[in-house]
Full PDB file with SEQRES, HELIX, SHEET, SSBOND, CRYST1, ORIGX, SCALE, CONECT and MASTER records, all heavy atoms in Angstrom:
SEQRES   1 A   32  HIS MET ALA ALA GLN PHE LEU VAL PRO VAL ILE LEU ALA          
SEQRES   2 A   32  LEU VAL PHE ARG PRO GLU PRO ALA ASP PRO GLY PRO VAL          
SEQRES   3 A   32  HIS SER GLU ALA VAL ARG                                      
HELIX    1 AA1 VAL A    8  VAL A   15  1                                   8    
CRYST1    1.000    1.000    1.000  90.00  90.00  90.00 P 1           1          
ORIGX1      1.000000  0.000000  0.000000        0.00000                         
ORIGX2      0.000000  1.000000  0.000000        0.00000                         
ORIGX3      0.000000  0.000000  1.000000        0.00000                         
SCALE1      1.000000  0.000000  0.000000        0.00000                         
SCALE2      0.000000  1.000000  0.000000        0.00000                         
SCALE3      0.000000  0.000000  1.000000        0.00000                         
ATOM      1  N   HIS A   1     -10.625  21.796  -1.213  1.00  0.00           N  
ATOM      2  CA  HIS A   1     -11.075  20.631  -0.474  1.00  0.00           C  
ATOM      3  C   HIS A   1     -11.085  19.449  -1.543  1.00  0.00           C  
ATOM      4  O   HIS A   1     -10.925  18.229  -1.035  1.00  0.00           O  
ATOM      5  CB  HIS A   1     -12.546  20.750  -0.080  1.00  0.00           C  
ATOM      6  CG  HIS A   1     -13.550  21.001  -1.281  1.00  0.00           C  
ATOM      7  ND1 HIS A   1     -13.438  22.051  -2.219  1.00  0.00           N  
ATOM      8  CD2 HIS A   1     -14.604  20.300  -1.684  1.00  0.00           C  
ATOM      9  CE1 HIS A   1     -14.424  21.896  -3.093  1.00  0.00           C  
ATOM     10  NE2 HIS A   1     -15.097  20.796  -2.786  1.00  0.00           N  
ATOM     11  N   MET A   2     -10.972  19.635  -2.839  1.00  0.00           N  
ATOM     12  CA  MET A   2     -10.674  18.451  -3.740  1.00  0.00           C  
ATOM     13  C   MET A   2      -9.204  18.269  -4.057  1.00  0.00           C  
ATOM     14  O   MET A   2      -8.851  17.249  -4.291  1.00  0.00           O  
ATOM     15  CB  MET A   2     -11.418  18.828  -5.068  1.00  0.00           C  
ATOM     16  CG  MET A   2     -13.008  18.901  -4.854  1.00  0.00           C  
ATOM     17  SD  MET A   2     -13.759  17.498  -4.141  1.00  0.00           S  
ATOM     18  CE  MET A   2     -13.232  16.271  -5.286  1.00  0.00           C  
ATOM     19  N   ALA A   3      -8.397  19.284  -3.873  1.00  0.00           N  
ATOM     20  CA  ALA A   3      -6.983  19.258  -4.293  1.00  0.00           C  
ATOM     21  C   ALA A   3      -6.202  18.601  -2.942  1.00  0.00           C  
ATOM     22  O   ALA A   3      -5.076  18.005  -3.205  1.00  0.00           O  
ATOM     23  CB  ALA A   3      -6.427  20.473  -4.649  1.00  0.00           C  
ATOM     24  N   ALA A   4      -6.782  18.783  -1.864  1.00  0.00           N  
ATOM     25  CA  ALA A   4      -6.206  18.305  -0.543  1.00  0.00           C  
ATOM     26  C   ALA A   4      -6.267  16.655  -0.520  1.00  0.00           C  
ATOM     27  O   ALA A   4      -7.101  16.252   0.312  1.00  0.00           O  
ATOM     28  CB  ALA A   4      -6.663  18.936   0.688  1.00  0.00           C  
ATOM     29  N   GLN A   5      -5.412  16.017  -1.143  1.00  0.00           N  
ATOM     30  CA  GLN A   5      -5.488  14.480  -1.228  1.00  0.00           C  
ATOM     31  C   GLN A   5      -4.288  13.925  -0.722  1.00  0.00           C  
ATOM     32  O   GLN A   5      -3.904  12.717  -0.974  1.00  0.00           O  
ATOM     33  CB  GLN A   5      -5.722  14.157  -2.719  1.00  0.00           C  
ATOM     34  CG  GLN A   5      -7.019  14.573  -3.292  1.00  0.00           C  
ATOM     35  CD  GLN A   5      -7.269  14.126  -4.666  1.00  0.00           C  
ATOM     36  OE1 GLN A   5      -6.854  13.017  -4.940  1.00  0.00           O  
ATOM     37  NE2 GLN A   5      -8.101  14.707  -5.507  1.00  0.00           N  
ATOM     38  N   PHE A   6      -3.516  14.618   0.050  1.00  0.00           N  
ATOM     39  CA  PHE A   6      -2.178  14.025   0.640  1.00  0.00           C  
ATOM     40  C   PHE A   6      -2.398  12.989   1.636  1.00  0.00           C  
ATOM     41  O   PHE A   6      -1.504  12.227   2.041  1.00  0.00           O  
ATOM     42  CB  PHE A   6      -1.285  15.060   1.112  1.00  0.00           C  
ATOM     43  CG  PHE A   6      -1.981  16.143   1.945  1.00  0.00           C  
ATOM     44  CD1 PHE A   6      -2.197  15.965   3.335  1.00  0.00           C  
ATOM     45  CD2 PHE A   6      -2.375  17.381   1.377  1.00  0.00           C  
ATOM     46  CE1 PHE A   6      -2.817  16.855   4.031  1.00  0.00           C  
ATOM     47  CE2 PHE A   6      -2.976  18.369   2.227  1.00  0.00           C  
ATOM     48  CZ  PHE A   6      -3.230  18.030   3.548  1.00  0.00           C  
ATOM     49  N   LEU A   7      -3.604  12.854   2.219  1.00  0.00           N  
ATOM     50  CA  LEU A   7      -3.924  11.767   3.226  1.00  0.00           C  
ATOM     51  C   LEU A   7      -4.421  10.552   2.509  1.00  0.00           C  
ATOM     52  O   LEU A   7      -4.646   9.516   3.207  1.00  0.00           O  
ATOM     53  CB  LEU A   7      -4.889  12.347   4.325  1.00  0.00           C  
ATOM     54  CG  LEU A   7      -4.270  13.242   5.201  1.00  0.00           C  
ATOM     55  CD1 LEU A   7      -5.341  13.631   6.360  1.00  0.00           C  
ATOM     56  CD2 LEU A   7      -3.004  12.829   5.927  1.00  0.00           C  
ATOM     57  N   VAL A   8      -4.813  10.683   1.353  1.00  0.00           N  
ATOM     58  CA  VAL A   8      -5.433   9.548   0.617  1.00  0.00           C  
ATOM     59  C   VAL A   8      -4.527   8.321   0.559  1.00  0.00           C  
ATOM     60  O   VAL A   8      -4.850   7.124   0.905  1.00  0.00           O  
ATOM     61  CB  VAL A   8      -5.886   9.910  -0.919  1.00  0.00           C  
ATOM     62  CG1 VAL A   8      -6.228   8.691  -1.615  1.00  0.00           C  
ATOM     63  CG2 VAL A   8      -7.032  10.881  -0.809  1.00  0.00           C  
ATOM     64  N   PRO A   9      -3.229   8.447   0.219  1.00  0.00           N  
ATOM     65  CA  PRO A   9      -2.336   7.287   0.292  1.00  0.00           C  
ATOM     66  C   PRO A   9      -2.202   6.718   1.698  1.00  0.00           C  
ATOM     67  O   PRO A   9      -2.058   5.452   1.850  1.00  0.00           O  
ATOM     68  CB  PRO A   9      -0.987   7.873  -0.288  1.00  0.00           C  
ATOM     69  CG  PRO A   9      -1.314   9.080  -1.066  1.00  0.00           C  
ATOM     70  CD  PRO A   9      -2.511   9.714  -0.419  1.00  0.00           C  
ATOM     71  N   VAL A  10      -2.198   7.681   2.653  1.00  0.00           N  
ATOM     72  CA  VAL A  10      -2.069   7.214   4.116  1.00  0.00           C  
ATOM     73  C   VAL A  10      -3.289   6.343   4.427  1.00  0.00           C  
ATOM     74  O   VAL A  10      -3.107   5.278   5.093  1.00  0.00           O  
ATOM     75  CB  VAL A  10      -1.988   8.333   5.012  1.00  0.00           C  
ATOM     76  CG1 VAL A  10      -1.847   7.989   6.441  1.00  0.00           C  
ATOM     77  CG2 VAL A  10      -0.769   9.348   4.618  1.00  0.00           C  
ATOM     78  N   ILE A  11      -4.511   6.760   4.141  1.00  0.00           N  
ATOM     79  CA  ILE A  11      -5.622   5.974   4.482  1.00  0.00           C  
ATOM     80  C   ILE A  11      -5.498   4.562   3.638  1.00  0.00           C  
ATOM     81  O   ILE A  11      -5.836   3.579   4.421  1.00  0.00           O  
ATOM     82  CB  ILE A  11      -6.968   6.688   3.883  1.00  0.00           C  
ATOM     83  CG1 ILE A  11      -7.167   8.000   4.751  1.00  0.00           C  
ATOM     84  CG2 ILE A  11      -8.164   5.917   3.972  1.00  0.00           C  
ATOM     85  CD1 ILE A  11      -8.158   8.872   4.353  1.00  0.00           C  
ATOM     86  N   LEU A  12      -5.201   4.601   2.540  1.00  0.00           N  
ATOM     87  CA  LEU A  12      -5.218   3.377   1.689  1.00  0.00           C  
ATOM     88  C   LEU A  12      -4.018   2.431   2.274  1.00  0.00           C  
ATOM     89  O   LEU A  12      -4.116   1.216   2.400  1.00  0.00           O  
ATOM     90  CB  LEU A  12      -4.843   3.596   0.237  1.00  0.00           C  
ATOM     91  CG  LEU A  12      -5.912   4.360  -0.535  1.00  0.00           C  
ATOM     92  CD1 LEU A  12      -5.577   4.622  -1.938  1.00  0.00           C  
ATOM     93  CD2 LEU A  12      -7.361   3.542  -0.501  1.00  0.00           C  
ATOM     94  N   ALA A  13      -2.934   3.018   2.677  1.00  0.00           N  
ATOM     95  CA  ALA A  13      -1.887   2.257   3.394  1.00  0.00           C  
ATOM     96  C   ALA A  13      -2.260   1.556   4.586  1.00  0.00           C  
ATOM     97  O   ALA A  13      -1.771   0.444   5.067  1.00  0.00           O  
ATOM     98  CB  ALA A  13      -0.537   3.162   3.565  1.00  0.00           C  
ATOM     99  N   LEU A  14      -3.141   2.323   5.419  1.00  0.00           N  
ATOM    100  CA  LEU A  14      -3.673   1.702   6.624  1.00  0.00           C  
ATOM    101  C   LEU A  14      -4.786   0.697   6.499  1.00  0.00           C  
ATOM    102  O   LEU A  14      -4.919  -0.282   7.278  1.00  0.00           O  
ATOM    103  CB  LEU A  14      -4.165   2.862   7.536  1.00  0.00           C  
ATOM    104  CG  LEU A  14      -3.063   3.740   8.139  1.00  0.00           C  
ATOM    105  CD1 LEU A  14      -3.643   5.022   8.780  1.00  0.00           C  
ATOM    106  CD2 LEU A  14      -2.132   3.096   9.086  1.00  0.00           C  
ATOM    107  N   VAL A  15      -5.498   0.765   5.417  1.00  0.00           N  
ATOM    108  CA  VAL A  15      -6.528  -0.185   5.110  1.00  0.00           C  
ATOM    109  C   VAL A  15      -6.012  -1.483   4.545  1.00  0.00           C  
ATOM    110  O   VAL A  15      -6.367  -2.526   4.843  1.00  0.00           O  
ATOM    111  CB  VAL A  15      -7.537   0.485   4.068  1.00  0.00           C  
ATOM    112  CG1 VAL A  15      -8.493  -0.623   3.731  1.00  0.00           C  
ATOM    113  CG2 VAL A  15      -8.386   1.602   4.927  1.00  0.00           C  
ATOM    114  N   PHE A  16      -5.113  -1.341   3.508  1.00  0.00           N  
ATOM    115  CA  PHE A  16      -4.592  -2.507   2.718  1.00  0.00           C  
ATOM    116  C   PHE A  16      -3.214  -2.792   3.211  1.00  0.00           C  
ATOM    117  O   PHE A  16      -2.327  -1.901   3.407  1.00  0.00           O  
ATOM    118  CB  PHE A  16      -4.719  -2.206   1.283  1.00  0.00           C  
ATOM    119  CG  PHE A  16      -6.102  -1.963   0.711  1.00  0.00           C  
ATOM    120  CD1 PHE A  16      -6.478  -0.794   0.313  1.00  0.00           C  
ATOM    121  CD2 PHE A  16      -6.979  -3.036   0.681  1.00  0.00           C  
ATOM    122  CE1 PHE A  16      -7.730  -0.373  -0.174  1.00  0.00           C  
ATOM    123  CE2 PHE A  16      -8.219  -2.756   0.337  1.00  0.00           C  
ATOM    124  CZ  PHE A  16      -8.642  -1.518  -0.168  1.00  0.00           C  
ATOM    125  N   ARG A  17      -2.910  -4.102   2.964  1.00  0.00           N  
ATOM    126  CA  ARG A  17      -1.463  -4.632   3.235  1.00  0.00           C  
ATOM    127  C   ARG A  17      -0.900  -4.732   1.892  1.00  0.00           C  
ATOM    128  O   ARG A  17      -1.420  -4.651   0.854  1.00  0.00           O  
ATOM    129  CB  ARG A  17      -1.490  -6.003   3.833  1.00  0.00           C  
ATOM    130  CG  ARG A  17      -2.041  -5.935   5.293  1.00  0.00           C  
ATOM    131  CD  ARG A  17      -1.083  -5.400   6.226  1.00  0.00           C  
ATOM    132  NE  ARG A  17       0.255  -5.945   6.164  1.00  0.00           N  
ATOM    133  CZ  ARG A  17       0.595  -7.032   6.871  1.00  0.00           C  
ATOM    134  NH1 ARG A  17      -0.238  -7.631   7.584  1.00  0.00           N  
ATOM    135  NH2 ARG A  17       1.865  -7.499   6.756  1.00  0.00           N  
ATOM    136  N   PRO A  18       0.550  -4.899   1.775  1.00  0.00           N  
ATOM    137  CA  PRO A  18       1.198  -4.996   0.446  1.00  0.00           C  
ATOM    138  C   PRO A  18       0.796  -6.366  -0.203  1.00  0.00           C  
ATOM    139  O   PRO A  18       0.431  -7.148   0.270  1.00  0.00           O  
ATOM    140  CB  PRO A  18       2.726  -5.108   0.868  1.00  0.00           C  
ATOM    141  CG  PRO A  18       2.801  -4.527   2.277  1.00  0.00           C  
ATOM    142  CD  PRO A  18       1.429  -4.896   2.861  1.00  0.00           C  
ATOM    143  N   GLU A  19       0.792  -6.191  -1.626  1.00  0.00           N  
ATOM    144  CA  GLU A  19       0.496  -7.268  -2.432  1.00  0.00           C  
ATOM    145  C   GLU A  19       1.570  -8.347  -2.386  1.00  0.00           C  
ATOM    146  O   GLU A  19       2.777  -8.062  -2.349  1.00  0.00           O  
ATOM    147  CB  GLU A  19       0.325  -6.755  -3.881  1.00  0.00           C  
ATOM    148  CG  GLU A  19      -0.018  -7.982  -4.831  1.00  0.00           C  
ATOM    149  CD  GLU A  19       0.139  -7.635  -6.312  1.00  0.00           C  
ATOM    150  OE1 GLU A  19       1.047  -6.792  -6.498  1.00  0.00           O  
ATOM    151  OE2 GLU A  19      -0.432  -8.208  -7.132  1.00  0.00           O  
ATOM    152  N   PRO A  20       1.208  -9.649  -2.210  1.00  0.00           N  
ATOM    153  CA  PRO A  20       2.096 -10.690  -2.083  1.00  0.00           C  
ATOM    154  C   PRO A  20       2.644 -11.268  -3.408  1.00  0.00           C  
ATOM    155  O   PRO A  20       1.961 -11.011  -4.451  1.00  0.00           O  
ATOM    156  CB  PRO A  20       1.388 -11.719  -1.357  1.00  0.00           C  
ATOM    157  CG  PRO A  20       0.017 -11.634  -1.704  1.00  0.00           C  
ATOM    158  CD  PRO A  20      -0.128 -10.095  -2.081  1.00  0.00           C  
ATOM    159  N   ALA A  21       3.656 -12.023  -3.349  1.00  0.00           N  
ATOM    160  CA  ALA A  21       3.942 -13.052  -4.413  1.00  0.00           C  
ATOM    161  C   ALA A  21       4.550 -12.443  -5.742  1.00  0.00           C  
ATOM    162  O   ALA A  21       4.760 -13.286  -6.581  1.00  0.00           O  
ATOM    163  CB  ALA A  21       2.782 -13.951  -4.655  1.00  0.00           C  
ATOM    164  N   ASP A  22       4.692 -11.103  -5.896  1.00  0.00           N  
ATOM    165  CA  ASP A  22       5.326 -10.695  -7.212  1.00  0.00           C  
ATOM    166  C   ASP A  22       6.766 -10.600  -7.030  1.00  0.00           C  
ATOM    167  O   ASP A  22       7.196 -10.150  -6.041  1.00  0.00           O  
ATOM    168  CB  ASP A  22       4.701  -9.312  -7.568  1.00  0.00           C  
ATOM    169  CG  ASP A  22       5.150  -8.903  -8.973  1.00  0.00           C  
ATOM    170  OD1 ASP A  22       4.640  -9.565  -9.974  1.00  0.00           O  
ATOM    171  OD2 ASP A  22       5.922  -8.058  -9.023  1.00  0.00           O  
ATOM    172  N   PRO A  23       7.566 -11.100  -7.932  1.00  0.00           N  
ATOM    173  CA  PRO A  23       9.026 -11.106  -7.746  1.00  0.00           C  
ATOM    174  C   PRO A  23       9.579  -9.842  -7.524  1.00  0.00           C  
ATOM    175  O   PRO A  23       9.146  -8.908  -8.201  1.00  0.00           O  
ATOM    176  CB  PRO A  23       9.375 -11.733  -9.098  1.00  0.00           C  
ATOM    177  CG  PRO A  23       8.359 -12.458  -9.568  1.00  0.00           C  
ATOM    178  CD  PRO A  23       7.187 -11.680  -9.226  1.00  0.00           C  
ATOM    179  N   GLY A  24      10.581  -9.627  -6.824  1.00  0.00           N  
ATOM    180  CA  GLY A  24      11.228  -8.467  -6.575  1.00  0.00           C  
ATOM    181  C   GLY A  24      11.528  -8.159  -5.033  1.00  0.00           C  
ATOM    182  O   GLY A  24      10.699  -8.719  -4.196  1.00  0.00           O  
ATOM    183  N   PRO A  25      12.238  -7.153  -4.690  1.00  0.00           N  
ATOM    184  CA  PRO A  25      12.553  -6.947  -3.403  1.00  0.00           C  
ATOM    185  C   PRO A  25      11.439  -6.401  -2.571  1.00  0.00           C  
ATOM    186  O   PRO A  25      11.472  -6.594  -1.383  1.00  0.00           O  
ATOM    187  CB  PRO A  25      13.787  -5.896  -3.498  1.00  0.00           C  
ATOM    188  CG  PRO A  25      13.684  -5.306  -4.848  1.00  0.00           C  
ATOM    189  CD  PRO A  25      13.104  -6.356  -5.743  1.00  0.00           C  
ATOM    190  N   VAL A  26      10.591  -5.629  -3.255  1.00  0.00           N  
ATOM    191  CA  VAL A  26       9.514  -4.975  -2.479  1.00  0.00           C  
ATOM    192  C   VAL A  26       8.475  -6.019  -2.099  1.00  0.00           C  
ATOM    193  O   VAL A  26       7.774  -5.913  -1.095  1.00  0.00           O  
ATOM    194  CB  VAL A  26       8.782  -3.924  -3.298  1.00  0.00           C  
ATOM    195  CG1 VAL A  26       7.656  -3.294  -2.509  1.00  0.00           C  
ATOM    196  CG2 VAL A  26       9.869  -2.802  -3.585  1.00  0.00           C  
ATOM    197  N   HIS A  27       8.221  -7.137  -2.861  1.00  0.00           N  
ATOM    198  CA  HIS A  27       7.093  -7.929  -2.740  1.00  0.00           C  
ATOM    199  C   HIS A  27       7.565  -9.381  -2.358  1.00  0.00           C  
ATOM    200  O   HIS A  27       6.812 -10.330  -2.614  1.00  0.00           O  
ATOM    201  CB  HIS A  27       6.309  -8.024  -3.954  1.00  0.00           C  
ATOM    202  CG  HIS A  27       5.821  -6.656  -4.496  1.00  0.00           C  
ATOM    203  ND1 HIS A  27       4.991  -5.892  -3.841  1.00  0.00           N  
ATOM    204  CD2 HIS A  27       6.178  -6.011  -5.723  1.00  0.00           C  
ATOM    205  CE1 HIS A  27       4.847  -4.747  -4.498  1.00  0.00           C  
ATOM    206  NE2 HIS A  27       5.584  -4.858  -5.501  1.00  0.00           N  
ATOM    207  N   SER A  28       8.787  -9.532  -1.770  1.00  0.00           N  
ATOM    208  CA  SER A  28       9.225 -10.829  -1.410  1.00  0.00           C  
ATOM    209  C   SER A  28       8.510 -11.531  -0.235  1.00  0.00           C  
ATOM    210  O   SER A  28       8.573 -12.633  -0.206  1.00  0.00           O  
ATOM    211  CB  SER A  28      10.842 -10.729  -1.273  1.00  0.00           C  
ATOM    212  OG  SER A  28      11.101  -9.866  -0.270  1.00  0.00           O  
ATOM    213  N   GLU A  29       8.099 -10.679   0.623  1.00  0.00           N  
ATOM    214  CA  GLU A  29       7.397 -11.293   1.757  1.00  0.00           C  
ATOM    215  C   GLU A  29       6.072 -11.742   1.487  1.00  0.00           C  
ATOM    216  O   GLU A  29       5.175 -11.133   0.798  1.00  0.00           O  
ATOM    217  CB  GLU A  29       7.365 -10.249   2.815  1.00  0.00           C  
ATOM    218  CG  GLU A  29       8.645  -9.771   3.499  1.00  0.00           C  
ATOM    219  CD  GLU A  29       8.438  -8.847   4.602  1.00  0.00           C  
ATOM    220  OE1 GLU A  29       7.315  -8.703   5.074  1.00  0.00           O  
ATOM    221  OE2 GLU A  29       9.500  -8.255   5.010  1.00  0.00           O  
ATOM    222  N   ALA A  30       5.706 -12.897   2.055  1.00  0.00           N  
ATOM    223  CA  ALA A  30       4.297 -13.530   1.852  1.00  0.00           C  
ATOM    224  C   ALA A  30       3.411 -12.734   2.930  1.00  0.00           C  
ATOM    225  O   ALA A  30       3.943 -12.383   3.965  1.00  0.00           O  
ATOM    226  CB  ALA A  30       4.288 -14.937   2.044  1.00  0.00           C  
ATOM    227  N   VAL A  31       2.155 -12.718   2.617  1.00  0.00           N  
ATOM    228  CA  VAL A  31       1.188 -11.919   3.504  1.00  0.00           C  
ATOM    229  C   VAL A  31       0.875 -12.829   4.625  1.00  0.00           C  
ATOM    230  O   VAL A  31       0.507 -14.076   4.408  1.00  0.00           O  
ATOM    231  CB  VAL A  31      -0.019 -11.528   2.729  1.00  0.00           C  
ATOM    232  CG1 VAL A  31      -1.092 -11.001   3.816  1.00  0.00           C  
ATOM    233  CG2 VAL A  31       0.351 -10.375   1.691  1.00  0.00           C  
ATOM    234  N   ARG A  32       1.095 -12.477   5.849  1.00  0.00           N  
ATOM    235  CA  ARG A  32       0.768 -13.261   7.069  1.00  0.00           C  
ATOM    236  C   ARG A  32      -0.409 -12.547   7.684  1.00  0.00           C  
ATOM    237  O   ARG A  32      -0.496 -11.266   7.810  1.00  0.00           O  
ATOM    238  CB  ARG A  32       1.978 -13.271   7.939  1.00  0.00           C  
ATOM    239  CG  ARG A  32       3.180 -13.885   7.255  1.00  0.00           C  
ATOM    240  CD  ARG A  32       4.365 -13.916   8.361  1.00  0.00           C  
ATOM    241  NE  ARG A  32       4.756 -12.592   8.769  1.00  0.00           N  
ATOM    242  CZ  ARG A  32       5.661 -11.858   8.062  1.00  0.00           C  
ATOM    243  NH1 ARG A  32       6.093 -12.267   6.887  1.00  0.00           N  
ATOM    244  NH2 ARG A  32       5.905 -10.738   8.495  1.00  0.00           N  
TER     245      ARG A  32                                                      
MASTER        0    0    0    1    0    0    0    6  244    1    0    3          
END                                                                             
């Protein structure tokens, strides 16, 4: 029950949006 953490990134991805404004292809979009 403690090792089964494969849904933790999924939960965080649904709660938070990507970080804006850092140079690079991943973060080039501004948050809307």
